[in-house]
Protein backbone atom coordinates (compact mmCIF):
# COMPACT_ATOMS: atom_id res chain seq x y z
CA MET A 1 -89.92 28.64 41.58
CA LYS A 2 -87.44 31.45 40.93
CA PHE A 3 -84.77 28.82 40.25
CA VAL A 4 -86.97 27.08 37.68
CA ARG A 5 -87.70 30.41 35.93
CA THR A 6 -83.97 31.21 35.86
CA LEU A 7 -83.21 27.75 34.50
CA LEU A 8 -85.93 28.04 31.83
CA THR A 9 -84.72 31.53 30.87
CA ALA A 10 -81.13 30.26 30.52
CA ALA A 11 -82.37 27.32 28.44
CA ALA A 12 -84.39 29.65 26.20
CA ILE A 13 -81.37 31.91 25.68
CA ALA A 14 -79.19 28.90 24.84
CA ALA A 15 -81.79 27.56 22.41
CA ALA A 16 -82.11 30.95 20.70
CA ALA A 17 -78.33 31.23 20.39
CA ALA A 18 -78.10 27.72 18.96
CA THR A 19 -80.83 28.51 16.44
CA ALA A 20 -79.11 31.75 15.40
CA PHE A 21 -75.77 29.92 15.04
CA ALA A 22 -77.39 27.17 12.97
CA GLN A 23 -78.96 29.79 10.69
CA GLU A 24 -75.60 31.53 10.21
CA THR A 25 -73.85 28.29 9.24
CA SER A 26 -76.74 26.54 7.53
CA PRO A 27 -76.20 24.68 4.27
CA ALA A 28 -78.33 27.32 2.53
CA THR A 29 -75.80 30.01 3.52
CA ASP A 30 -72.88 27.79 2.52
CA SER A 31 -74.68 26.83 -0.67
CA ALA A 32 -75.27 30.47 -1.60
CA ALA A 33 -71.62 31.33 -0.98
CA GLY A 34 -70.53 28.22 -2.86
CA LEU A 35 -72.74 28.99 -5.83
CA ALA A 36 -71.38 32.55 -5.97
CA SER A 37 -67.83 31.16 -6.04
CA TRP A 38 -68.82 28.57 -8.66
CA ALA A 39 -70.25 31.34 -10.89
CA LYS A 40 -66.76 32.92 -10.97
CA VAL A 41 -65.21 29.56 -11.86
CA TYR A 42 -67.74 28.85 -14.59
CA GLU A 43 -67.15 32.29 -16.09
CA VAL A 44 -63.52 31.23 -16.60
CA PHE A 45 -64.13 27.61 -17.65
CA SER A 46 -66.78 28.58 -20.22
CA HIS A 47 -64.66 31.39 -21.68
CA PRO A 48 -63.26 30.67 -25.18
CA ARG A 49 -59.68 30.72 -23.89
CA CYS A 50 -60.51 27.62 -21.86
CA ALA A 51 -63.51 25.97 -23.49
CA ASN A 52 -62.13 25.97 -27.05
CA CYS A 53 -59.82 23.06 -26.18
CA HIS A 54 -62.25 21.23 -23.84
CA VAL A 55 -64.27 19.72 -26.68
CA GLU A 56 -66.30 16.56 -27.10
CA ASP A 57 -65.66 15.87 -30.78
CA ASP A 58 -61.82 15.94 -30.86
CA ARG A 59 -61.78 19.19 -32.88
CA PRO A 60 -60.62 22.38 -31.12
CA ARG A 61 -62.59 25.54 -31.74
CA TRP A 62 -61.78 29.08 -32.73
CA SER A 63 -64.22 31.34 -30.96
CA SER A 64 -64.33 34.76 -29.38
CA PRO A 65 -65.64 38.15 -30.47
CA HIS A 66 -63.03 38.73 -33.18
CA TYR A 67 -63.85 35.41 -34.91
CA GLY A 68 -67.55 36.10 -35.23
CA ALA A 69 -69.24 32.71 -35.36
CA THR A 70 -67.52 29.77 -33.69
CA ARG A 71 -65.43 27.78 -36.14
CA VAL A 72 -63.76 24.40 -36.01
CA HIS A 73 -59.95 24.76 -36.02
CA ALA A 74 -58.63 24.94 -39.59
CA PHE A 75 -56.28 22.40 -41.21
CA ASN A 76 -58.42 19.46 -40.04
CA VAL A 77 -56.70 19.61 -36.64
CA GLN A 78 -57.87 16.78 -34.39
CA ARG A 79 -57.06 15.18 -31.04
CA GLY A 80 -55.03 12.43 -32.67
CA ALA A 81 -55.65 8.78 -33.46
CA ASP A 82 -53.73 7.82 -30.30
CA GLY A 83 -56.13 9.91 -28.16
CA SER A 84 -53.26 11.92 -26.70
CA GLY A 85 -54.65 15.34 -27.55
CA PHE A 86 -51.35 16.28 -29.19
CA GLY A 87 -52.72 15.86 -32.74
CA ASN A 88 -52.20 13.35 -35.51
CA PRO A 89 -48.75 12.21 -36.64
CA GLY A 90 -47.48 14.68 -39.19
CA LEU A 91 -49.66 17.45 -37.74
CA ARG A 92 -49.00 17.60 -34.04
CA CYS A 93 -50.21 20.67 -32.17
CA THR A 94 -46.57 21.69 -31.71
CA THR A 95 -46.18 21.99 -35.50
CA CYS A 96 -47.66 25.49 -35.12
CA HIS A 97 -48.02 26.03 -31.36
CA PHE A 98 -44.62 26.60 -29.78
CA ALA A 99 -43.64 27.11 -26.13
CA SER A 100 -44.69 30.77 -26.25
CA ASN A 101 -47.13 33.01 -28.11
CA SER A 102 -46.38 34.40 -31.54
CA SER A 103 -45.73 38.14 -31.42
CA VAL A 104 -47.89 38.61 -34.55
CA LEU A 105 -51.47 39.80 -34.07
CA HIS A 106 -53.68 36.67 -33.97
CA GLY A 107 -50.59 34.54 -34.66
CA PRO A 108 -50.37 30.99 -33.31
CA PRO A 109 -50.67 31.03 -29.54
CA GLY A 110 -48.28 28.92 -27.54
CA ALA A 111 -47.39 27.34 -24.22
CA GLU A 112 -45.35 24.32 -23.14
CA GLY A 113 -47.09 21.06 -23.96
CA TRP A 114 -49.84 22.57 -26.14
CA HIS A 115 -52.63 19.99 -26.55
CA LEU A 116 -56.34 19.37 -26.23
CA ALA A 117 -57.83 18.55 -22.86
CA PRO A 118 -58.67 14.86 -22.33
CA PRO A 119 -61.98 13.85 -23.93
CA GLU A 120 -63.67 13.29 -20.56
CA MET A 121 -63.05 16.95 -19.63
CA VAL A 122 -65.65 18.50 -21.97
CA TRP A 123 -66.67 22.10 -21.22
CA PHE A 124 -67.37 23.56 -24.66
CA GLY A 125 -71.09 24.27 -25.00
CA LYS A 126 -71.90 22.74 -21.61
CA SER A 127 -74.12 24.35 -18.99
CA SER A 128 -72.86 25.49 -15.61
CA ALA A 129 -74.50 22.47 -13.95
CA GLU A 130 -72.89 20.06 -16.43
CA VAL A 131 -69.39 21.51 -15.98
CA CYS A 132 -69.85 21.60 -12.20
CA ALA A 133 -70.75 17.90 -12.10
CA GLN A 134 -67.80 17.08 -14.36
CA ILE A 135 -65.30 18.98 -12.19
CA LYS A 136 -66.48 17.10 -9.09
CA ASP A 137 -66.12 13.68 -10.76
CA PRO A 138 -62.56 12.26 -10.55
CA ALA A 139 -63.36 10.03 -13.54
CA ARG A 140 -63.89 13.22 -15.58
CA ASN A 141 -61.45 15.69 -13.98
CA GLY A 142 -58.13 13.93 -14.44
CA GLY A 143 -58.43 11.85 -11.25
CA ARG A 144 -58.09 14.92 -9.04
CA THR A 145 -59.56 15.98 -5.72
CA LEU A 146 -61.15 19.44 -5.71
CA ASP A 147 -58.03 20.81 -4.01
CA GLU A 148 -55.90 19.29 -6.78
CA VAL A 149 -58.17 20.80 -9.44
CA ALA A 150 -57.65 24.23 -7.86
CA VAL A 151 -53.85 23.77 -7.74
CA HIS A 152 -53.84 22.54 -11.36
CA VAL A 153 -55.69 25.67 -12.48
CA ARG A 154 -53.32 27.91 -10.52
CA ASP A 155 -50.01 26.22 -11.40
CA ASP A 156 -50.24 24.54 -14.84
CA GLY A 157 -48.43 26.49 -17.58
CA LEU A 158 -50.87 25.57 -20.36
CA VAL A 159 -53.82 26.60 -18.18
CA ALA A 160 -52.02 29.88 -17.36
CA TRP A 161 -51.93 30.66 -21.08
CA GLY A 162 -55.66 31.47 -20.84
CA TRP A 163 -54.78 34.67 -18.98
CA ASN A 164 -51.94 35.54 -21.39
CA PRO A 165 -53.25 34.42 -24.80
CA GLY A 166 -51.16 36.62 -27.05
CA PRO A 167 -51.87 39.68 -29.18
CA GLY A 168 -55.44 40.15 -30.34
CA ARG A 169 -57.03 37.60 -28.02
CA GLU A 170 -59.26 38.38 -25.07
CA PRO A 171 -57.86 36.73 -21.92
CA ALA A 172 -59.96 34.61 -19.60
CA PRO A 173 -61.55 36.70 -16.83
CA GLY A 174 -59.62 37.33 -13.62
CA SER A 175 -56.40 35.44 -13.01
CA ALA A 176 -55.12 31.98 -12.17
CA GLN A 177 -54.85 32.99 -8.51
CA ALA A 178 -58.39 34.41 -8.41
CA THR A 179 -59.74 31.24 -10.03
CA PHE A 180 -57.79 29.10 -7.55
CA GLU A 181 -59.34 31.10 -4.71
CA ALA A 182 -62.85 30.77 -6.17
CA LEU A 183 -62.40 27.00 -6.62
CA SER A 184 -61.12 26.70 -3.03
CA ALA A 185 -64.04 28.73 -1.65
CA TRP A 186 -66.50 26.67 -3.70
CA ALA A 187 -65.02 23.42 -2.38
CA ALA A 188 -65.01 24.72 1.22
CA ALA A 189 -68.72 25.55 0.85
CA GLY A 190 -69.50 21.95 -0.08
CA ALA A 191 -69.03 22.31 -3.88
CA PRO A 192 -72.71 22.98 -4.67
CA CYS A 193 -73.84 22.80 -8.28
CA PRO A 194 -76.53 25.00 -9.83
């Protein structure tokens, strides 16, 4: 009888430990951590430095506190008839946007390869849930895995401009490295969407 009690006690301890372990690593815990990481990512992606060029209607935006109301980019700037995002012939983005920022307050910003994001990568005016679903979808994220999205955000020169936008412009929150880390943590937690 003592053996049976000992065996039952050991089984009860093992079951309690397994339950505690399952609670510590439950999807709810991972989901909460993932959603916290996603909130940091969305704060960056929805910021004007990023969202202004991730538009649905082929017209980049000018928005941030110093602009007041959001405005469509002047000069009838558009994605381009060829869909490239580099603008129309005769008025390519690089007509005004060079490889680096203008030193003049609110002058034309610049980075290598200045262009609009592809039309399937719309963030401007989208909710956190909508952007989250888009980022997870290779058909709408440039054909990338989540790890590749994180590396793209960390290493792409045009993306990096968001944290160094030139005089008079508020940079995106955090840094490329911090956003890479948040994207990686979000992916590791199962990439939950709000």
